[in-house]
Amino acid sequence: MTDDDGDPGHDSWPTATRYLYLARHGEASADETTLTESGRRQAVLLGERLRNIPLSAIYHGPLSRAQQTAQLISAQLGAVSLHQSELAGDYIPYLPAKEELPPDSADAMLNFLAQVPEEERNRGPALAREALAEFTGPVDGDRPRHELVVTHNFLIGWLIRAALDAPEWRWMGLNHGNAALTAIRYAPGRPSSVLFHNDMRHLPAELRWTGFPPELHI
């Protein structure tokens, strides 16, 4: 296939598998301006976990807790480039209408979303669409690519629900622990596959589920 100017069209370019690794930032201080000592330890242990993965890049959101986590991970890996991206930030990826939601939980979910400042609710969906375009799908070339995104709970839920072709509201209800790891595989000609989700095997018991209520500590 060629374009009108005779050059090979994009559809004829080779594509390769993308392995996308998603990590939530480490535990943050009460004012969320820095990582706690536990959060720093979580990040270091996650970096050690990732040493055998051939990462080509680490992307992180602009908030300090994500940036610090990414820097500590990077320090365990050596020459892996760091990139700050607003697309990896903390925002509401999709605002559902009440009729989209399960009747028994719709009011609670909408009340939760109403607590988020209006500016954040309004800007989030556009960023979420851009994040899908930037971070998902097979990559150009003939070699697999491994990338890490250090981000926040909501974006991880958004990317997982997209990988599973779940309804857009279903980013809600997916809880991701601090410095836990998720991996999604995007292979040419194949449906996307969540290889594992919220994996905390690199963390000792006392560093798992930090910040979550006891009923989620499983």
Protein backbone atom coordinates (compact mmCIF):
# COMPACT_ATOMS: atom_id res chain seq x y z
CA MET A 1 0.00 0.00 0.00
CA THR A 2 1.24 3.50 -0.84
CA ASP A 3 0.12 7.01 -0.05
CA ASP A 4 -0.85 9.37 -2.86
CA ASP A 5 2.76 10.57 -3.12
CA GLY A 6 4.03 7.04 -3.73
CA ASP A 7 5.56 6.54 -0.27
CA PRO A 8 4.68 3.42 1.69
CA GLY A 9 1.55 3.98 3.73
CA HIS A 10 1.50 3.75 7.50
CA ASP A 11 -0.61 0.59 7.29
CA SER A 12 2.36 -1.21 5.75
CA TRP A 13 4.81 -0.34 8.53
CA PRO A 14 5.71 -3.19 10.86
CA THR A 15 4.26 -3.10 14.34
CA ALA A 16 5.45 -4.81 17.48
CA THR A 17 4.09 -5.68 20.91
CA ARG A 18 3.94 -3.05 23.62
CA TYR A 19 4.24 -4.12 27.25
CA LEU A 20 2.82 -1.37 29.43
CA TYR A 21 3.65 -1.47 33.15
CA LEU A 22 1.53 0.68 35.45
CA ALA A 23 2.54 1.62 38.98
CA ARG A 24 0.83 3.85 41.50
CA HIS A 25 3.12 6.23 43.37
CA GLY A 26 4.46 5.28 46.79
CA GLU A 27 2.74 6.26 50.02
CA ALA A 28 2.57 10.04 50.35
CA SER A 29 2.60 12.35 53.35
CA ALA A 30 -0.69 13.72 54.70
CA ASP A 31 -0.33 16.88 52.61
CA GLU A 32 0.76 14.81 49.58
CA THR A 33 3.85 16.97 49.01
CA THR A 34 6.38 14.18 49.47
CA LEU A 35 6.73 10.44 49.97
CA THR A 36 6.79 8.99 53.44
CA GLU A 37 9.67 6.77 54.49
CA SER A 38 7.42 3.80 53.70
CA GLY A 39 6.65 5.31 50.30
CA ARG A 40 10.34 5.68 49.50
CA ARG A 41 10.97 2.09 50.52
CA GLN A 42 8.07 0.92 48.34
CA ALA A 43 9.53 2.75 45.35
CA VAL A 44 12.99 1.28 45.83
CA LEU A 45 11.59 -2.24 46.12
CA LEU A 46 9.53 -1.73 42.97
CA GLY A 47 12.65 -0.55 41.15
CA GLU A 48 14.46 -3.71 42.25
CA ARG A 49 11.51 -5.77 40.98
CA LEU A 50 11.79 -4.15 37.55
CA ARG A 51 15.53 -4.68 37.07
CA ASN A 52 15.09 -7.66 34.75
CA ILE A 53 12.56 -5.92 32.51
CA PRO A 54 14.10 -4.14 29.47
CA LEU A 55 12.33 -0.82 30.03
CA SER A 56 12.92 1.80 27.36
CA ALA A 57 11.26 4.69 29.22
CA ILE A 58 9.60 5.73 32.47
CA TYR A 59 6.75 8.23 32.31
CA HIS A 60 5.41 9.93 35.41
CA GLY A 61 2.82 12.51 36.32
CA PRO A 62 3.75 16.06 37.36
CA LEU A 63 2.80 15.77 41.05
CA SER A 64 5.70 15.35 43.46
CA ARG A 65 4.62 11.96 44.80
CA ALA A 66 4.67 10.45 41.30
CA GLN A 67 7.88 12.23 40.33
CA GLN A 68 9.74 11.10 43.45
CA THR A 69 8.54 7.54 43.00
CA ALA A 70 9.74 7.48 39.40
CA GLN A 71 13.13 8.89 40.37
CA LEU A 72 13.64 6.24 43.05
CA ILE A 73 12.63 3.49 40.62
CA SER A 74 14.98 4.90 37.99
CA ALA A 75 17.86 4.92 40.45
CA GLN A 76 17.59 1.13 40.71
CA LEU A 77 17.60 0.63 36.94
CA GLY A 78 20.42 2.68 35.51
CA ALA A 79 20.10 4.22 32.07
CA VAL A 80 16.34 4.40 31.59
CA SER A 81 15.03 7.79 30.49
CA LEU A 82 12.52 9.67 32.65
CA HIS A 83 9.71 11.70 31.08
CA GLN A 84 7.20 13.88 32.89
CA SER A 85 3.76 13.82 31.29
CA GLU A 86 0.50 15.53 32.22
CA LEU A 87 -1.23 12.51 30.70
CA ALA A 88 0.12 10.42 33.59
CA GLY A 89 -1.31 12.84 36.15
CA ASP A 90 -4.11 12.61 38.70
CA TYR A 91 -7.50 13.35 37.12
CA ILE A 92 -11.03 12.02 36.63
CA PRO A 93 -10.90 10.11 33.32
CA TYR A 94 -14.63 9.83 32.66
CA LEU A 95 -17.80 11.32 34.16
CA PRO A 96 -20.70 8.88 33.90
CA ALA A 97 -24.37 9.75 33.76
CA LYS A 98 -26.56 8.19 36.44
CA GLU A 99 -28.30 5.89 33.97
CA GLU A 100 -24.96 4.27 33.05
CA LEU A 101 -24.29 3.14 36.61
CA PRO A 102 -25.60 0.17 38.60
CA PRO A 103 -28.78 1.38 40.35
CA ASP A 104 -27.70 0.17 43.77
CA SER A 105 -24.45 2.15 43.77
CA ALA A 106 -25.11 5.05 41.39
CA ASP A 107 -25.81 7.66 44.06
CA ALA A 108 -22.70 6.80 46.07
CA MET A 109 -20.50 6.91 42.99
CA LEU A 110 -21.89 10.24 41.80
CA ASN A 111 -21.56 11.73 45.30
CA PHE A 112 -17.91 10.72 45.28
CA LEU A 113 -17.32 12.39 41.92
CA ALA A 114 -19.11 15.55 43.07
CA GLN A 115 -16.42 16.06 45.72
CA VAL A 116 -13.79 16.57 43.01
CA PRO A 117 -13.29 20.23 42.00
CA GLU A 118 -15.20 21.14 38.84
CA GLU A 119 -12.02 22.13 36.97
CA GLU A 120 -10.55 18.67 37.51
CA ARG A 121 -13.77 16.97 36.47
CA ASN A 122 -13.92 19.00 33.27
CA ARG A 123 -10.32 18.61 32.11
CA GLY A 124 -9.90 14.93 32.93
CA PRO A 125 -11.80 13.21 30.08
CA ALA A 126 -9.74 14.93 27.36
CA LEU A 127 -6.51 13.93 29.09
CA ALA A 128 -7.80 10.37 29.43
CA ARG A 129 -8.47 10.11 25.70
CA GLU A 130 -4.96 11.41 24.99
CA ALA A 131 -3.49 8.91 27.46
CA LEU A 132 -5.14 6.06 25.56
CA ALA A 133 -3.62 7.30 22.32
CA GLU A 134 -0.17 7.80 23.86
CA PHE A 135 0.29 4.77 26.10
CA THR A 136 -1.74 1.92 24.58
CA GLY A 137 -1.71 -0.27 21.50
CA PRO A 138 1.11 -1.91 19.51
CA VAL A 139 4.15 0.20 18.61
CA ASP A 140 5.82 1.01 15.32
CA GLY A 141 8.87 -1.11 14.53
CA ASP A 142 9.83 -4.75 14.70
CA ARG A 143 10.94 -5.02 18.34
CA PRO A 144 8.77 -5.24 21.48
CA ARG A 145 8.74 -2.16 23.67
CA HIS A 146 8.52 -2.12 27.47
CA GLU A 147 7.38 1.11 29.14
CA LEU A 148 6.52 2.08 32.72
CA VAL A 149 3.97 4.72 33.70
CA VAL A 150 4.13 5.91 37.31
CA THR A 151 0.77 7.46 37.97
CA HIS A 152 -2.31 7.46 40.19
CA ASN A 153 -5.18 5.14 40.99
CA PHE A 154 -7.75 6.61 38.58
CA LEU A 155 -5.63 6.42 35.42
CA ILE A 156 -4.63 2.84 36.18
CA GLY A 157 -8.31 1.92 36.48
CA TRP A 158 -9.07 3.73 33.22
CA LEU A 159 -6.38 1.91 31.26
CA ILE A 160 -7.35 -1.48 32.68
CA ARG A 161 -11.03 -1.03 31.85
CA ALA A 162 -10.03 0.03 28.30
CA ALA A 163 -7.85 -3.07 27.90
CA LEU A 164 -10.83 -5.21 28.85
CA ASP A 165 -13.32 -3.24 26.69
CA ALA A 166 -15.37 -2.61 29.82
CA PRO A 167 -17.89 0.27 30.03
CA GLU A 168 -16.26 3.67 30.41
CA TRP A 169 -17.56 4.19 33.95
CA ARG A 170 -15.86 0.99 35.08
CA TRP A 171 -12.59 2.74 35.89
CA MET A 172 -14.31 3.23 39.23
CA GLY A 173 -14.01 0.47 41.81
CA LEU A 174 -10.51 -0.67 40.79
CA ASN A 175 -8.19 -0.12 43.73
CA HIS A 176 -4.44 -0.06 43.20
CA GLY A 177 -1.99 -0.18 46.10
CA ASN A 178 0.97 2.15 46.50
CA ALA A 179 3.88 0.91 44.36
CA ALA A 180 1.87 -2.11 43.19
CA LEU A 181 2.39 -3.22 39.60
CA THR A 182 0.04 -3.94 36.69
CA ALA A 183 1.08 -5.12 33.22
CA ILE A 184 -0.89 -4.94 29.98
CA ARG A 185 0.17 -6.51 26.68
CA TYR A 186 -0.80 -4.97 23.33
CA ALA A 187 0.12 -7.37 20.52
CA PRO A 188 -0.56 -6.73 16.81
CA GLY A 189 -3.69 -8.48 15.65
CA ARG A 190 -4.60 -9.63 19.17
CA PRO A 191 -6.91 -8.23 21.84
CA SER A 192 -5.14 -6.40 24.64
CA SER A 193 -4.40 -8.58 27.65
CA VAL A 194 -4.06 -7.70 31.33
CA LEU A 195 -1.19 -9.98 32.34
CA PHE A 196 -1.45 -9.16 36.04
CA HIS A 197 -3.04 -6.48 38.21
CA ASN A 198 -2.14 -4.84 41.51
CA ASP A 199 0.80 -7.19 42.08
CA MET A 200 2.51 -6.52 45.43
CA ARG A 201 4.80 -9.52 45.66
CA HIS A 202 7.86 -7.24 45.86
CA LEU A 203 6.52 -5.56 49.01
CA PRO A 204 6.62 -6.99 52.54
CA ALA A 205 3.25 -7.33 54.27
CA GLU A 206 3.57 -4.08 56.21
CA LEU A 207 4.03 -2.07 53.00
CA ARG A 208 0.99 -3.46 51.18
CA TRP A 209 -2.32 -1.63 50.91
CA THR A 210 -1.02 1.46 52.66
CA GLY A 211 -3.73 4.11 52.87
CA PHE A 212 -6.59 1.67 52.30
CA PRO A 213 -9.15 0.51 54.90
CA PRO A 214 -8.55 -2.82 56.65
CA GLU A 215 -11.21 -4.67 54.64
CA LEU A 216 -9.04 -4.29 51.53
CA HIS A 217 -5.89 -5.67 53.14
CA ILE A 218 -6.02 -9.14 51.60
